[in-house]
């Protein structure tokens, strides 16, 4: 049986390096910690004046692209700028981020509905 300290020491997150041609190089995509996932889900609650979720792909990119130390490359304030990048580049990153974080298309849609 695992002990408390053994469990709490398991903070290493899965990462994967991918090439994003549109950005001219490679980036590292990370799984999210529980705290990060909660923050991302909270950020998904933001909606525009029509009640639509604002830039869900850009938000996922902001939370999952990390540097070699595992620190986020983007801040929450970068979401609007990230959203202006090509959809094909965002798709490449979000597809990997979704896989690493156990987010299927259906799970993301369900999360959106639950946040409504």
Protein backbone atom coordinates (compact mmCIF):
# COMPACT_ATOMS: atom_id res chain seq x y z
CA UNK A 1 0.00 0.00 0.00
CA UNK A 2 1.37 3.40 -0.97
CA UNK A 3 2.10 5.87 1.76
CA UNK A 4 1.12 9.55 1.76
CA UNK A 5 4.62 10.84 0.98
CA UNK A 6 5.06 8.34 -1.84
CA UNK A 7 1.85 9.52 -3.49
CA UNK A 8 2.51 13.24 -2.97
CA UNK A 9 6.00 12.93 -4.48
CA UNK A 10 4.57 11.94 -7.89
CA UNK A 11 4.42 15.43 -9.37
CA UNK A 12 6.21 14.76 -12.65
CA UNK A 13 3.88 15.45 -15.55
CA UNK A 14 3.90 13.71 -18.95
CA UNK A 15 5.29 15.79 -21.79
CA UNK A 16 5.68 15.45 -25.52
CA UNK A 17 7.72 17.52 -27.95
CA UNK A 18 6.08 18.26 -31.29
CA UNK A 19 6.98 20.20 -34.39
CA UNK A 20 4.66 23.04 -35.34
CA UNK A 21 5.66 24.07 -38.87
CA UNK A 22 3.51 27.19 -38.75
CA UNK A 23 5.50 28.42 -35.74
CA UNK A 24 8.86 27.44 -37.21
CA UNK A 25 10.00 24.92 -34.63
CA UNK A 26 9.23 22.58 -31.78
CA UNK A 27 7.23 23.05 -28.60
CA UNK A 28 6.73 20.91 -25.52
CA UNK A 29 3.18 19.97 -24.57
CA UNK A 30 2.48 18.90 -20.98
CA UNK A 31 -0.24 17.19 -19.07
CA UNK A 32 -1.80 19.42 -16.40
CA UNK A 33 -1.58 19.01 -12.65
CA UNK A 34 -4.86 18.87 -10.77
CA UNK A 35 -4.54 22.53 -9.82
CA UNK A 36 -3.77 23.55 -13.40
CA UNK A 37 -6.73 21.54 -14.70
CA UNK A 38 -9.03 23.25 -12.20
CA UNK A 39 -7.73 26.67 -13.30
CA UNK A 40 -8.19 25.78 -16.98
CA UNK A 41 -11.75 24.58 -16.36
CA UNK A 42 -12.50 27.76 -14.42
CA UNK A 43 -11.11 29.84 -17.29
CA UNK A 44 -13.41 27.99 -19.70
CA UNK A 45 -16.36 29.55 -17.87
CA UNK A 46 -15.60 32.93 -19.49
CA UNK A 47 -18.14 33.64 -22.20
CA UNK A 48 -18.73 36.38 -24.73
CA UNK A 49 -21.85 38.54 -24.86
CA UNK A 50 -23.63 35.82 -26.88
CA UNK A 51 -22.93 33.22 -24.19
CA UNK A 52 -20.29 31.36 -26.23
CA UNK A 53 -17.12 30.07 -24.61
CA UNK A 54 -14.18 32.28 -25.55
CA UNK A 55 -11.25 30.60 -27.33
CA UNK A 56 -11.27 27.12 -25.75
CA UNK A 57 -8.38 25.91 -27.97
CA UNK A 58 -6.27 28.96 -27.20
CA UNK A 59 -6.87 28.45 -23.49
CA UNK A 60 -5.76 24.82 -23.70
CA UNK A 61 -2.61 25.89 -25.57
CA UNK A 62 -1.90 28.53 -22.92
CA UNK A 63 -2.09 25.93 -20.15
CA UNK A 64 -0.16 23.10 -21.81
CA UNK A 65 2.77 24.57 -23.78
CA UNK A 66 5.76 24.51 -21.44
CA UNK A 67 9.50 25.16 -21.50
CA UNK A 68 12.26 22.63 -20.71
CA UNK A 69 11.70 23.21 -16.97
CA UNK A 70 7.99 22.44 -17.27
CA UNK A 71 6.95 26.06 -16.73
CA UNK A 72 4.12 27.51 -18.79
CA UNK A 73 5.34 29.46 -21.82
CA UNK A 74 2.12 31.49 -22.07
CA UNK A 75 0.13 33.37 -19.45
CA UNK A 76 -3.63 33.73 -19.21
CA UNK A 77 -3.20 37.18 -20.77
CA UNK A 78 -1.84 35.57 -23.97
CA UNK A 79 -5.11 33.79 -24.84
CA UNK A 80 -6.36 36.47 -27.23
CA UNK A 81 -3.02 36.51 -29.08
CA UNK A 82 -2.87 32.71 -29.20
CA UNK A 83 -6.37 32.69 -30.67
CA UNK A 84 -5.11 34.73 -33.62
CA UNK A 85 -2.68 31.96 -34.64
CA UNK A 86 -3.60 29.58 -37.45
CA UNK A 87 -6.26 27.04 -36.62
CA UNK A 88 -4.09 24.24 -38.06
CA UNK A 89 -1.27 25.08 -35.64
CA UNK A 90 -3.69 25.24 -32.71
CA UNK A 91 -5.21 21.92 -33.77
CA UNK A 92 -1.77 20.24 -33.73
CA UNK A 93 -1.09 21.45 -30.21
CA UNK A 94 -4.56 20.87 -28.80
CA UNK A 95 -4.77 17.33 -30.21
CA UNK A 96 -1.64 16.36 -28.28
CA UNK A 97 -2.73 18.32 -25.19
CA UNK A 98 -6.10 16.59 -25.22
CA UNK A 99 -4.50 13.15 -25.49
CA UNK A 100 -1.97 13.83 -22.70
CA UNK A 101 -4.72 15.16 -20.43
CA UNK A 102 -7.33 12.51 -21.15
CA UNK A 103 -9.60 14.97 -22.90
CA UNK A 104 -11.59 13.45 -25.72
CA UNK A 105 -13.68 15.63 -28.02
CA UNK A 106 -16.75 14.33 -26.18
CA UNK A 107 -15.21 15.12 -22.79
CA UNK A 108 -14.46 18.69 -23.86
CA UNK A 109 -18.00 19.14 -25.18
CA UNK A 110 -19.41 17.70 -21.95
CA UNK A 111 -17.23 20.06 -19.91
CA UNK A 112 -18.52 23.01 -21.94
CA UNK A 113 -22.10 21.94 -21.31
CA UNK A 114 -21.49 21.44 -17.59
CA UNK A 115 -19.96 24.91 -17.36
CA UNK A 116 -23.00 26.54 -18.95
